Amino acid sequence: MGKLEIRLLADRVLVRVEDQGELVTNSGIIIPDSATEEAALEGTILSVSTRIEKCEVEEDKVYVGEKILFSKYAGSDLRYGGDDYKIMRITDVFGAVDDE
């Protein structure tokens, strides 16, 4: 399959969801997502809408390639080529991750 290309509208971002891995106990029991407390997910921004690119408020800007945190219930899920993506509003983004 080819590269995922979507022209985003309004205040949306396209995010590749990072694999959070399964929670497995020491004895090998797999605990499903539904049984754990809600935790923020991490993803990488692949694309932003034109409105976000033109945003003049620097604190509210996000950039392609930046890692972000968001709720697992945020946005709309999309599966393409075996990878998980989300399309979400910029207001669904909690913050950017600084790897330094």
PDB file of N, CA and C in Angstrom:
ATOM      1  N   MET A   1       0.834  -1.190   0.000  1.00  0.00           N
ATOM      2  CA  MET A   1       0.000   0.000   0.000  1.00  0.00           C
ATOM      3  C   MET A   1       0.870   1.242   0.000  1.00  0.00           C
ATOM      4  N   GLY A   2       0.338   2.308  -0.554  1.00  0.00           N
ATOM      5  CA  GLY A   2       1.069   3.558  -0.653  1.00  0.00           C
ATOM      6  C   GLY A   2       1.022   4.372   0.624  1.00  0.00           C
ATOM      7  N   LYS A   3       1.598   5.550   0.525  1.00  0.00           N
ATOM      8  CA  LYS A   3       1.647   6.470   1.648  1.00  0.00           C
ATOM      9  C   LYS A   3       0.253   7.036   1.916  1.00  0.00           C
ATOM     10  N   LEU A   4      -0.103   7.185   3.170  1.00  0.00           N
ATOM     11  CA  LEU A   4      -1.394   7.751   3.573  1.00  0.00           C
ATOM     12  C   LEU A   4      -1.345   9.262   3.379  1.00  0.00           C
ATOM     13  N   GLU A   5      -2.164   9.777   2.464  1.00  0.00           N
ATOM     14  CA  GLU A   5      -2.226  11.212   2.213  1.00  0.00           C
ATOM     15  C   GLU A   5      -3.659  11.683   2.371  1.00  0.00           C
ATOM     16  N   ILE A   6      -3.869  12.592   3.304  1.00  0.00           N
ATOM     17  CA  ILE A   6      -5.199  13.142   3.578  1.00  0.00           C
ATOM     18  C   ILE A   6      -5.064  14.654   3.657  1.00  0.00           C
ATOM     19  N   ARG A   7      -5.944  15.370   2.969  1.00  0.00           N
ATOM     20  CA  ARG A   7      -5.983  16.835   3.093  1.00  0.00           C
ATOM     21  C   ARG A   7      -6.916  17.136   4.260  1.00  0.00           C
ATOM     22  N   LEU A   8      -6.347  17.616   5.338  1.00  0.00           N
ATOM     23  CA  LEU A   8      -7.109  17.862   6.559  1.00  0.00           C
ATOM     24  C   LEU A   8      -7.851  19.185   6.487  1.00  0.00           C
ATOM     25  N   LEU A   9      -9.032  19.201   7.052  1.00  0.00           N
ATOM     26  CA  LEU A   9      -9.867  20.394   7.072  1.00  0.00           C
ATOM     27  C   LEU A   9      -9.930  20.985   8.467  1.00  0.00           C
ATOM     28  N   ALA A  10     -10.345  22.240   8.546  1.00  0.00           N
ATOM     29  CA  ALA A  10     -10.560  22.959   9.809  1.00  0.00           C
ATOM     30  C   ALA A  10      -9.312  22.883  10.688  1.00  0.00           C
ATOM     31  N   ASP A  11      -9.485  22.459  11.937  1.00  0.00           N
ATOM     32  CA  ASP A  11      -8.386  22.464  12.912  1.00  0.00           C
ATOM     33  C   ASP A  11      -7.966  21.042  13.268  1.00  0.00           C
ATOM     34  N   ARG A  12      -7.738  20.216  12.250  1.00  0.00           N
ATOM     35  CA  ARG A  12      -7.458  18.800  12.470  1.00  0.00           C
ATOM     36  C   ARG A  12      -5.977  18.458  12.276  1.00  0.00           C
ATOM     37  N   VAL A  13      -5.554  17.387  12.955  1.00  0.00           N
ATOM     38  CA  VAL A  13      -4.216  16.834  12.785  1.00  0.00           C
ATOM     39  C   VAL A  13      -4.340  15.338  12.536  1.00  0.00           C
ATOM     40  N   LEU A  14      -3.415  14.791  11.777  1.00  0.00           N
ATOM     41  CA  LEU A  14      -3.335  13.350  11.541  1.00  0.00           C
ATOM     42  C   LEU A  14      -2.177  12.828  12.376  1.00  0.00           C
ATOM     43  N   VAL A  15      -2.464  11.815  13.202  1.00  0.00           N
ATOM     44  CA  VAL A  15      -1.484  11.299  14.149  1.00  0.00           C
ATOM     45  C   VAL A  15      -1.314   9.798  13.954  1.00  0.00           C
ATOM     46  N   ARG A  16      -0.064   9.336  13.903  1.00  0.00           N
ATOM     47  CA  ARG A  16       0.206   7.898  13.934  1.00  0.00           C
ATOM     48  C   ARG A  16       0.313   7.517  15.401  1.00  0.00           C
ATOM     49  N   VAL A  17      -0.527   6.596  15.831  1.00  0.00           N
ATOM     50  CA  VAL A  17      -0.568   6.176  17.224  1.00  0.00           C
ATOM     51  C   VAL A  17       0.598   5.233  17.491  1.00  0.00           C
ATOM     52  N   GLU A  18       1.377   5.540  18.524  1.00  0.00           N
ATOM     53  CA  GLU A  18       2.506   4.690  18.908  1.00  0.00           C
ATOM     54  C   GLU A  18       1.971   3.451  19.616  1.00  0.00           C
ATOM     55  N   ASP A  19       2.596   2.314  19.362  1.00  0.00           N
ATOM     56  CA  ASP A  19       2.191   1.061  19.998  1.00  0.00           C
ATOM     57  C   ASP A  19       2.467   1.150  21.485  1.00  0.00           C
ATOM     58  N   GLN A  20       1.419   1.010  22.285  1.00  0.00           N
ATOM     59  CA  GLN A  20       1.556   1.091  23.736  1.00  0.00           C
ATOM     60  C   GLN A  20       1.936  -0.249  24.345  1.00  0.00           C
ATOM     61  N   GLY A  21       1.812  -1.301  23.555  1.00  0.00           N
ATOM     62  CA  GLY A  21       2.147  -2.626  24.049  1.00  0.00           C
ATOM     63  C   GLY A  21       1.073  -3.151  24.983  1.00  0.00           C
ATOM     64  N   GLU A  22       1.024  -4.455  25.143  1.00  0.00           N
ATOM     65  CA  GLU A  22       0.052  -5.055  26.046  1.00  0.00           C
ATOM     66  C   GLU A  22       0.601  -5.041  27.459  1.00  0.00           C
ATOM     67  N   LEU A  23      -0.316  -4.917  28.402  1.00  0.00           N
ATOM     68  CA  LEU A  23       0.062  -5.008  29.798  1.00  0.00           C
ATOM     69  C   LEU A  23      -0.007  -6.472  30.188  1.00  0.00           C
ATOM     70  N   VAL A  24       1.142  -7.031  30.571  1.00  0.00           N
ATOM     71  CA  VAL A  24       1.232  -8.453  30.917  1.00  0.00           C
ATOM     72  C   VAL A  24       1.794  -8.572  32.325  1.00  0.00           C
ATOM     73  N   THR A  25       1.121  -9.362  33.157  1.00  0.00           N
ATOM     74  CA  THR A  25       1.608  -9.580  34.519  1.00  0.00           C
ATOM     75  C   THR A  25       2.829 -10.492  34.500  1.00  0.00           C
ATOM     76  N   ASN A  26       3.518 -10.598  35.635  1.00  0.00           N
ATOM     77  CA  ASN A  26       4.695 -11.464  35.742  1.00  0.00           C
ATOM     78  C   ASN A  26       4.364 -12.921  35.459  1.00  0.00           C
ATOM     79  N   SER A  27       3.116 -13.326  35.746  1.00  0.00           N
ATOM     80  CA  SER A  27       2.719 -14.718  35.510  1.00  0.00           C
ATOM     81  C   SER A  27       2.213 -14.944  34.094  1.00  0.00           C
ATOM     82  N   GLY A  28       2.229 -13.899  33.242  1.00  0.00           N
ATOM     83  CA  GLY A  28       1.859 -14.065  31.843  1.00  0.00           C
ATOM     84  C   GLY A  28       0.414 -13.759  31.506  1.00  0.00           C
ATOM     85  N   ILE A  29      -0.350 -13.227  32.455  1.00  0.00           N
ATOM     86  CA  ILE A  29      -1.744 -12.883  32.182  1.00  0.00           C
ATOM     87  C   ILE A  29      -1.794 -11.551  31.451  1.00  0.00           C
ATOM     88  N   ILE A  30      -2.508 -11.521  30.321  1.00  0.00           N
ATOM     89  CA  ILE A  30      -2.645 -10.297  29.528  1.00  0.00           C
ATOM     90  C   ILE A  30      -3.852  -9.519  30.038  1.00  0.00           C
ATOM     91  N   ILE A  31      -3.643  -8.251  30.355  1.00  0.00           N
ATOM     92  CA  ILE A  31      -4.716  -7.399  30.854  1.00  0.00           C
ATOM     93  C   ILE A  31      -5.151  -6.478  29.719  1.00  0.00           C
ATOM     94  N   PRO A  32      -6.426  -6.543  29.300  1.00  0.00           N
ATOM     95  CA  PRO A  32      -6.898  -5.726  28.178  1.00  0.00           C
ATOM     96  C   PRO A  32      -6.967  -4.248  28.533  1.00  0.00           C
ATOM     97  N   ASP A  33      -6.986  -3.407  27.498  1.00  0.00           N
ATOM     98  CA  ASP A  33      -7.086  -1.958  27.680  1.00  0.00           C
ATOM     99  C   ASP A  33      -8.289  -1.560  28.518  1.00  0.00           C
ATOM    100  N   SER A  34      -9.406  -2.250  28.320  1.00  0.00           N
ATOM    101  CA  SER A  34     -10.644  -1.882  29.004  1.00  0.00           C
ATOM    102  C   SER A  34     -10.565  -2.077  30.515  1.00  0.00           C
ATOM    103  N   ALA A  35      -9.602  -2.863  30.986  1.00  0.00           N
ATOM    104  CA  ALA A  35      -9.484  -3.133  32.419  1.00  0.00           C
ATOM    105  C   ALA A  35      -8.519  -2.188  33.117  1.00  0.00           C
ATOM    106  N   THR A  36      -7.781  -1.410  32.367  1.00  0.00           N
ATOM    107  CA  THR A  36      -6.796  -0.516  32.970  1.00  0.00           C
ATOM    108  C   THR A  36      -7.362   0.891  33.043  1.00  0.00           C
ATOM    109  N   GLU A  37      -6.758   1.685  33.921  1.00  0.00           N
ATOM    110  CA  GLU A  37      -7.175   3.083  34.024  1.00  0.00           C
ATOM    111  C   GLU A  37      -6.812   3.809  32.733  1.00  0.00           C
ATOM    112  N   GLU A  38      -7.567   4.863  32.474  1.00  0.00           N
ATOM    113  CA  GLU A  38      -7.286   5.627  31.266  1.00  0.00           C
ATOM    114  C   GLU A  38      -5.963   6.367  31.414  1.00  0.00           C
ATOM    115  N   ALA A  39      -5.098   6.186  30.466  1.00  0.00           N
ATOM    116  CA  ALA A  39      -3.814   6.880  30.442  1.00  0.00           C
ATOM    117  C   ALA A  39      -3.691   7.582  29.100  1.00  0.00           C
ATOM    118  N   ALA A  40      -2.917   8.648  29.069  1.00  0.00           N
ATOM    119  CA  ALA A  40      -2.713   9.365  27.819  1.00  0.00           C
ATOM    120  C   ALA A  40      -1.932   8.500  26.845  1.00  0.00           C
ATOM    121  N   LEU A  41      -2.290   8.584  25.578  1.00  0.00           N
ATOM    122  CA  LEU A  41      -1.575   7.874  24.525  1.00  0.00           C
ATOM    123  C   LEU A  41      -0.556   8.813  23.905  1.00  0.00           C
ATOM    124  N   GLU A  42       0.416   8.221  23.229  1.00  0.00           N
ATOM    125  CA  GLU A  42       1.439   9.001  22.554  1.00  0.00           C
ATOM    126  C   GLU A  42       1.359   8.731  21.062  1.00  0.00           C
ATOM    127  N   GLY A  43       1.624   9.763  20.274  1.00  0.00           N
ATOM    128  CA  GLY A  43       1.614   9.620  18.832  1.00  0.00           C
ATOM    129  C   GLY A  43       2.522  10.639  18.181  1.00  0.00           C
ATOM    130  N   THR A  44       2.698  10.476  16.882  1.00  0.00           N
ATOM    131  CA  THR A  44       3.525  11.390  16.105  1.00  0.00           C
ATOM    132  C   THR A  44       2.658  12.071  15.059  1.00  0.00           C
ATOM    133  N   ILE A  45       2.751  13.380  14.979  1.00  0.00           N
ATOM    134  CA  ILE A  45       1.963  14.140  14.013  1.00  0.00           C
ATOM    135  C   ILE A  45       2.528  13.911  12.618  1.00  0.00           C
ATOM    136  N   LEU A  46       1.658  13.480  11.704  1.00  0.00           N
ATOM    137  CA  LEU A  46       2.063  13.249  10.324  1.00  0.00           C
ATOM    138  C   LEU A  46       1.646  14.394   9.410  1.00  0.00           C
ATOM    139  N   SER A  47       0.561  15.077   9.783  1.00  0.00           N
ATOM    140  CA  SER A  47       0.051  16.153   8.938  1.00  0.00           C
ATOM    141  C   SER A  47      -0.809  17.088   9.775  1.00  0.00           C
ATOM    142  N   VAL A  48      -0.819  18.363   9.419  1.00  0.00           N
ATOM    143  CA  VAL A  48      -1.675  19.348  10.081  1.00  0.00           C
ATOM    144  C   VAL A  48      -2.449  20.122   9.020  1.00  0.00           C
ATOM    145  N   SER A  49      -3.603  20.637   9.406  1.00  0.00           N
ATOM    146  CA  SER A  49      -4.417  21.409   8.465  1.00  0.00           C
ATOM    147  C   SER A  49      -3.782  22.771   8.196  1.00  0.00           C
ATOM    148  N   THR A  50      -4.203  23.397   7.135  1.00  0.00           N
ATOM    149  CA  THR A  50      -3.696  24.722   6.767  1.00  0.00           C
ATOM    150  C   THR A  50      -3.978  25.734   7.869  1.00  0.00           C
ATOM    151  N   ARG A  51      -5.122  25.629   8.521  1.00  0.00           N
ATOM    152  CA  ARG A  51      -5.476  26.567   9.594  1.00  0.00           C
ATOM    153  C   ARG A  51      -4.463  26.489  10.735  1.00  0.00           C
ATOM    154  N   ILE A  52      -4.004  25.295  11.073  1.00  0.00           N
ATOM    155  CA  ILE A  52      -3.020  25.144  12.147  1.00  0.00           C
ATOM    156  C   ILE A  52      -1.659  25.661  11.692  1.00  0.00           C
ATOM    157  N   GLU A  53      -1.291  25.418  10.443  1.00  0.00           N
ATOM    158  CA  GLU A  53      -0.021  25.936   9.916  1.00  0.00           C
ATOM    159  C   GLU A  53       0.035  27.453   9.999  1.00  0.00           C
ATOM    160  N   LYS A  54      -1.111  28.109   9.791  1.00  0.00           N
ATOM    161  CA  LYS A  54      -1.171  29.571   9.783  1.00  0.00           C
ATOM    162  C   LYS A  54      -1.403  30.174  11.164  1.00  0.00           C
ATOM    163  N   CYS A  55      -1.548  29.345  12.186  1.00  0.00           N
ATOM    164  CA  CYS A  55      -1.810  29.824  13.541  1.00  0.00           C
ATOM    165  C   CYS A  55      -0.703  30.777  13.981  1.00  0.00           C
ATOM    166  N   GLU A  56      -1.106  31.925  14.499  1.00  0.00           N
ATOM    167  CA  GLU A  56      -0.126  32.923  14.918  1.00  0.00           C
ATOM    168  C   GLU A  56       0.228  32.820  16.396  1.00  0.00           C
ATOM    169  N   VAL A  57      -0.482  31.992  17.142  1.00  0.00           N
ATOM    170  CA  VAL A  57      -0.196  31.825  18.563  1.00  0.00           C
ATOM    171  C   VAL A  57       0.785  30.663  18.700  1.00  0.00           C
ATOM    172  N   GLU A  58       2.053  30.979  18.948  1.00  0.00           N
ATOM    173  CA  GLU A  58       3.115  29.973  18.953  1.00  0.00           C
ATOM    174  C   GLU A  58       2.861  28.842  19.951  1.00  0.00           C
ATOM    175  N   GLU A  59       2.279  29.153  21.115  1.00  0.00           N
ATOM    176  CA  GLU A  59       2.027  28.118  22.129  1.00  0.00           C
ATOM    177  C   GLU A  59       1.010  27.086  21.659  1.00  0.00           C
ATOM    178  N   ASP A  60       0.164  27.428  20.711  1.00  0.00           N
ATOM    179  CA  ASP A  60      -0.878  26.527  20.230  1.00  0.00           C
ATOM    180  C   ASP A  60      -0.476  25.768  18.973  1.00  0.00           C
ATOM    181  N   LYS A  61       0.708  26.004  18.466  1.00  0.00           N
ATOM    182  CA  LYS A  61       1.146  25.354  17.234  1.00  0.00           C
ATOM    183  C   LYS A  61       1.712  23.967  17.505  1.00  0.00           C
ATOM    184  N   VAL A  62       1.480  23.080  16.577  1.00  0.00           N
ATOM    185  CA  VAL A  62       2.123  21.772  16.584  1.00  0.00           C
ATOM    186  C   VAL A  62       2.732  21.574  15.199  1.00  0.00           C
ATOM    187  N   TYR A  63       3.728  20.710  15.127  1.00  0.00           N
ATOM    188  CA  TYR A  63       4.473  20.564  13.893  1.00  0.00           C
ATOM    189  C   TYR A  63       4.537  19.098  13.461  1.00  0.00           C
ATOM    190  N   VAL A  64       4.659  18.886  12.176  1.00  0.00           N
ATOM    191  CA  VAL A  64       4.823  17.539  11.630  1.00  0.00           C
ATOM    192  C   VAL A  64       6.090  16.935  12.227  1.00  0.00           C
ATOM    193  N   GLY A  65       5.988  15.701  12.683  1.00  0.00           N
ATOM    194  CA  GLY A  65       7.111  15.005  13.293  1.00  0.00           C
ATOM    195  C   GLY A  65       7.169  15.128  14.803  1.00  0.00           C
ATOM    196  N   GLU A  66       6.360  16.011  15.364  1.00  0.00           N
ATOM    197  CA  GLU A  66       6.355  16.220  16.813  1.00  0.00           C
ATOM    198  C   GLU A  66       5.573  15.110  17.513  1.00  0.00           C
ATOM    199  N   LYS A  67       6.075  14.668  18.675  1.00  0.00           N
ATOM    200  CA  LYS A  67       5.360  13.671  19.471  1.00  0.00           C
ATOM    201  C   LYS A  67       4.403  14.399  20.405  1.00  0.00           C
ATOM    202  N   ILE A  68       3.166  13.848  20.504  1.00  0.00           N
ATOM    203  CA  ILE A  68       2.145  14.484  21.318  1.00  0.00           C
ATOM    204  C   ILE A  68       1.475  13.456  22.234  1.00  0.00           C
ATOM    205  N   LEU A  69       0.747  13.961  23.230  1.00  0.00           N
ATOM    206  CA  LEU A  69      -0.066  13.151  24.125  1.00  0.00           C
ATOM    207  C   LEU A  69      -1.534  13.496  23.913  1.00  0.00           C
ATOM    208  N   PHE A  70      -2.404  12.472  23.999  1.00  0.00           N
ATOM    209  CA  PHE A  70      -3.832  12.682  23.799  1.00  0.00           C
ATOM    210  C   PHE A  70      -4.601  11.555  24.472  1.00  0.00           C
ATOM    211  N   SER A  71      -5.894  11.741  24.655  1.00  0.00           N
ATOM    212  CA  SER A  71      -6.760  10.732  25.257  1.00  0.00           C
ATOM    213  C   SER A  71      -7.015   9.600  24.272  1.00  0.00           C
ATOM    214  N   LYS A  72      -7.173   8.378  24.786  1.00  0.00           N
ATOM    215  CA  LYS A  72      -7.446   7.259  23.876  1.00  0.00           C
ATOM    216  C   LYS A  72      -8.824   7.388  23.234  1.00  0.00           C
ATOM    217  N   TYR A  73      -9.685   8.245  23.771  1.00  0.00           N
ATOM    218  CA  TYR A  73     -11.011   8.455  23.200  1.00  0.00           C
ATOM    219  C   TYR A  73     -11.067   9.659  22.264  1.00  0.00           C
ATOM    220  N   ALA A  74      -9.954  10.333  22.075  1.00  0.00           N
ATOM    221  CA  ALA A  74      -9.914  11.530  21.231  1.00  0.00           C
ATOM    222  C   ALA A  74     -10.004  11.162  19.758  1.00  0.00           C
ATOM    223  N   GLY A  75     -10.626  12.027  18.988  1.00  0.00           N
ATOM    224  CA  GLY A  75     -10.625  11.906  17.538  1.00  0.00           C
ATOM    225  C   GLY A  75     -11.300  10.666  16.989  1.00  0.00           C
ATOM    226  N   SER A  76     -11.017  10.411  15.729  1.00  0.00           N
ATOM    227  CA  SER A  76     -11.583   9.269  15.015  1.00  0.00           C
ATOM    228  C   SER A  76     -10.460   8.307  14.645  1.00  0.00           C
ATOM    229  N   ASP A  77     -10.695   7.025  14.897  1.00  0.00           N
ATOM    230  CA  ASP A  77      -9.699   5.999  14.599  1.00  0.00           C
ATOM    231  C   ASP A  77      -9.679   5.691  13.110  1.00  0.00           C
ATOM    232  N   LEU A  78      -8.493   5.371  12.617  1.00  0.00           N
ATOM    233  CA  LEU A  78      -8.297   5.023  11.219  1.00  0.00           C
ATOM    234  C   LEU A  78      -7.210   3.961  11.167  1.00  0.00           C
ATOM    235  N   ARG A  79      -7.458   2.887  10.443  1.00  0.00           N
ATOM    236  CA  ARG A  79      -6.452   1.827  10.268  1.00  0.00           C
ATOM    237  C   ARG A  79      -6.133   1.764   8.779  1.00  0.00           C
ATOM    238  N   TYR A  80      -4.838   1.857   8.464  1.00  0.00           N
ATOM    239  CA  TYR A  80      -4.411   1.850   7.073  1.00  0.00           C
ATOM    240  C   TYR A  80      -3.067   1.147   6.990  1.00  0.00           C
ATOM    241  N   GLY A  81      -2.968   0.163   6.134  1.00  0.00           N
ATOM    242  CA  GLY A  81      -1.708  -0.555   5.939  1.00  0.00           C
ATOM    243  C   GLY A  81      -1.185  -1.223   7.198  1.00  0.00           C
ATOM    244  N   GLY A  82      -2.081  -1.630   8.089  1.00  0.00           N
ATOM    245  CA  GLY A  82      -1.673  -2.298   9.316  1.00  0.00           C
ATOM    246  C   GLY A  82      -1.251  -1.363  10.431  1.00  0.00           C
ATOM    247  N   ASP A  83      -1.296  -0.057  10.206  1.00  0.00           N
ATOM    248  CA  ASP A  83      -0.940   0.926  11.230  1.00  0.00           C
ATOM    249  C   ASP A  83      -2.193   1.627  11.742  1.00  0.00           C
ATOM    250  N   ASP A  84      -2.118   2.111  12.980  1.00  0.00           N
ATOM    251  CA  ASP A  84      -3.236   2.835  13.594  1.00  0.00           C
ATOM    252  C   ASP A  84      -2.973   4.329  13.545  1.00  0.00           C
ATOM    253  N   TYR A  85      -4.003   5.062  13.133  1.00  0.00           N
ATOM    254  CA  TYR A  85      -3.938   6.509  13.046  1.00  0.00           C
ATOM    255  C   TYR A  85      -5.159   7.104  13.739  1.00  0.00           C
ATOM    256  N   LYS A  86      -5.067   8.389  14.040  1.00  0.00           N
ATOM    257  CA  LYS A  86      -6.222   9.143  14.530  1.00  0.00           C
ATOM    258  C   LYS A  86      -6.247  10.478  13.805  1.00  0.00           C
ATOM    259  N   ILE A  87      -7.448  10.902  13.490  1.00  0.00           N
ATOM    260  CA  ILE A  87      -7.660  12.263  13.003  1.00  0.00           C
ATOM    261  C   ILE A  87      -8.387  12.968  14.125  1.00  0.00           C
ATOM    262  N   MET A  88      -7.785  14.047  14.632  1.00  0.00           N
ATOM    263  CA  MET A  88      -8.378  14.715  15.797  1.00  0.00           C
ATOM    264  C   MET A  88      -8.253  16.221  15.689  1.00  0.00           C
ATOM    265  N   ARG A  89      -9.058  16.881  16.477  1.00  0.00           N
ATOM    266  CA  ARG A  89      -8.981  18.337  16.572  1.00  0.00           C
ATOM    267  C   ARG A  89      -7.759  18.713  17.405  1.00  0.00           C
ATOM    268  N   ILE A  90      -7.235  19.881  17.144  1.00  0.00           N
ATOM    269  CA  ILE A  90      -6.070  20.345  17.886  1.00  0.00           C
ATOM    270  C   ILE A  90      -6.388  20.467  19.373  1.00  0.00           C
ATOM    271  N   THR A  91      -7.642  20.716  19.725  1.00  0.00           N
ATOM    272  CA  THR A  91      -8.028  20.842  21.128  1.00  0.00           C
ATOM    273  C   THR A  91      -7.991  19.505  21.866  1.00  0.00           C
ATOM    274  N   ASP A  92      -7.904  18.377  21.137  1.00  0.00           N
ATOM    275  CA  ASP A  92      -7.786  17.054  21.750  1.00  0.00           C
ATOM    276  C   ASP A  92      -6.346  16.731  22.161  1.00  0.00           C
ATOM    277  N   VAL A  93      -5.406  17.553  21.733  1.00  0.00           N
ATOM    278  CA  VAL A  93      -3.998  17.317  22.044  1.00  0.00           C
ATOM    279  C   VAL A  93      -3.707  17.916  23.426  1.00  0.00           C
ATOM    280  N   PHE A  94      -3.171  17.066  24.327  1.00  0.00           N
ATOM    281  CA  PHE A  94      -2.833  17.523  25.683  1.00  0.00           C
ATOM    282  C   PHE A  94      -1.558  18.344  25.691  1.00  0.00           C
ATOM    283  N   GLY A  95      -0.570  17.911  24.925  1.00  0.00           N
ATOM    284  CA  GLY A  95       0.699  18.607  24.905  1.00  0.00           C
ATOM    285  C   GLY A  95       1.714  17.870  24.052  1.00  0.00           C
ATOM    286  N   ALA A  96       2.851  18.526  23.851  1.00  0.00           N
ATOM    287  CA  ALA A  96       3.926  17.951  23.062  1.00  0.00           C
ATOM    288  C   ALA A  96       4.968  17.336  23.996  1.00  0.00           C
ATOM    289  N   VAL A  97       5.571  16.234  23.559  1.00  0.00           N
ATOM    290  CA  VAL A  97       6.577  15.533  24.351  1.00  0.00           C
ATOM    291  C   VAL A  97       7.951  16.054  23.973  1.00  0.00           C
ATOM    292  N   ASP A  98       8.711  16.465  24.958  1.00  0.00           N
ATOM    293  CA  ASP A  98      10.081  16.928  24.745  1.00  0.00           C
ATOM    294  C   ASP A  98      11.011  15.780  25.078  1.00  0.00           C
ATOM    295  N   ASP A  99      11.683  15.204  24.086  1.00  0.00           N
ATOM    296  CA  ASP A  99      12.544  14.048  24.300  1.00  0.00           C
ATOM    297  C   ASP A  99      13.922  14.394  24.853  1.00  0.00           C
ATOM    298  N   GLU A 100      14.213  15.643  25.010  1.00  0.00           N
ATOM    299  CA  GLU A 100      15.557  16.052  25.445  1.00  0.00           C
ATOM    300  C   GLU A 100      15.792  15.817  26.903  1.00  0.00           C
TER     301      GLU A 100
END
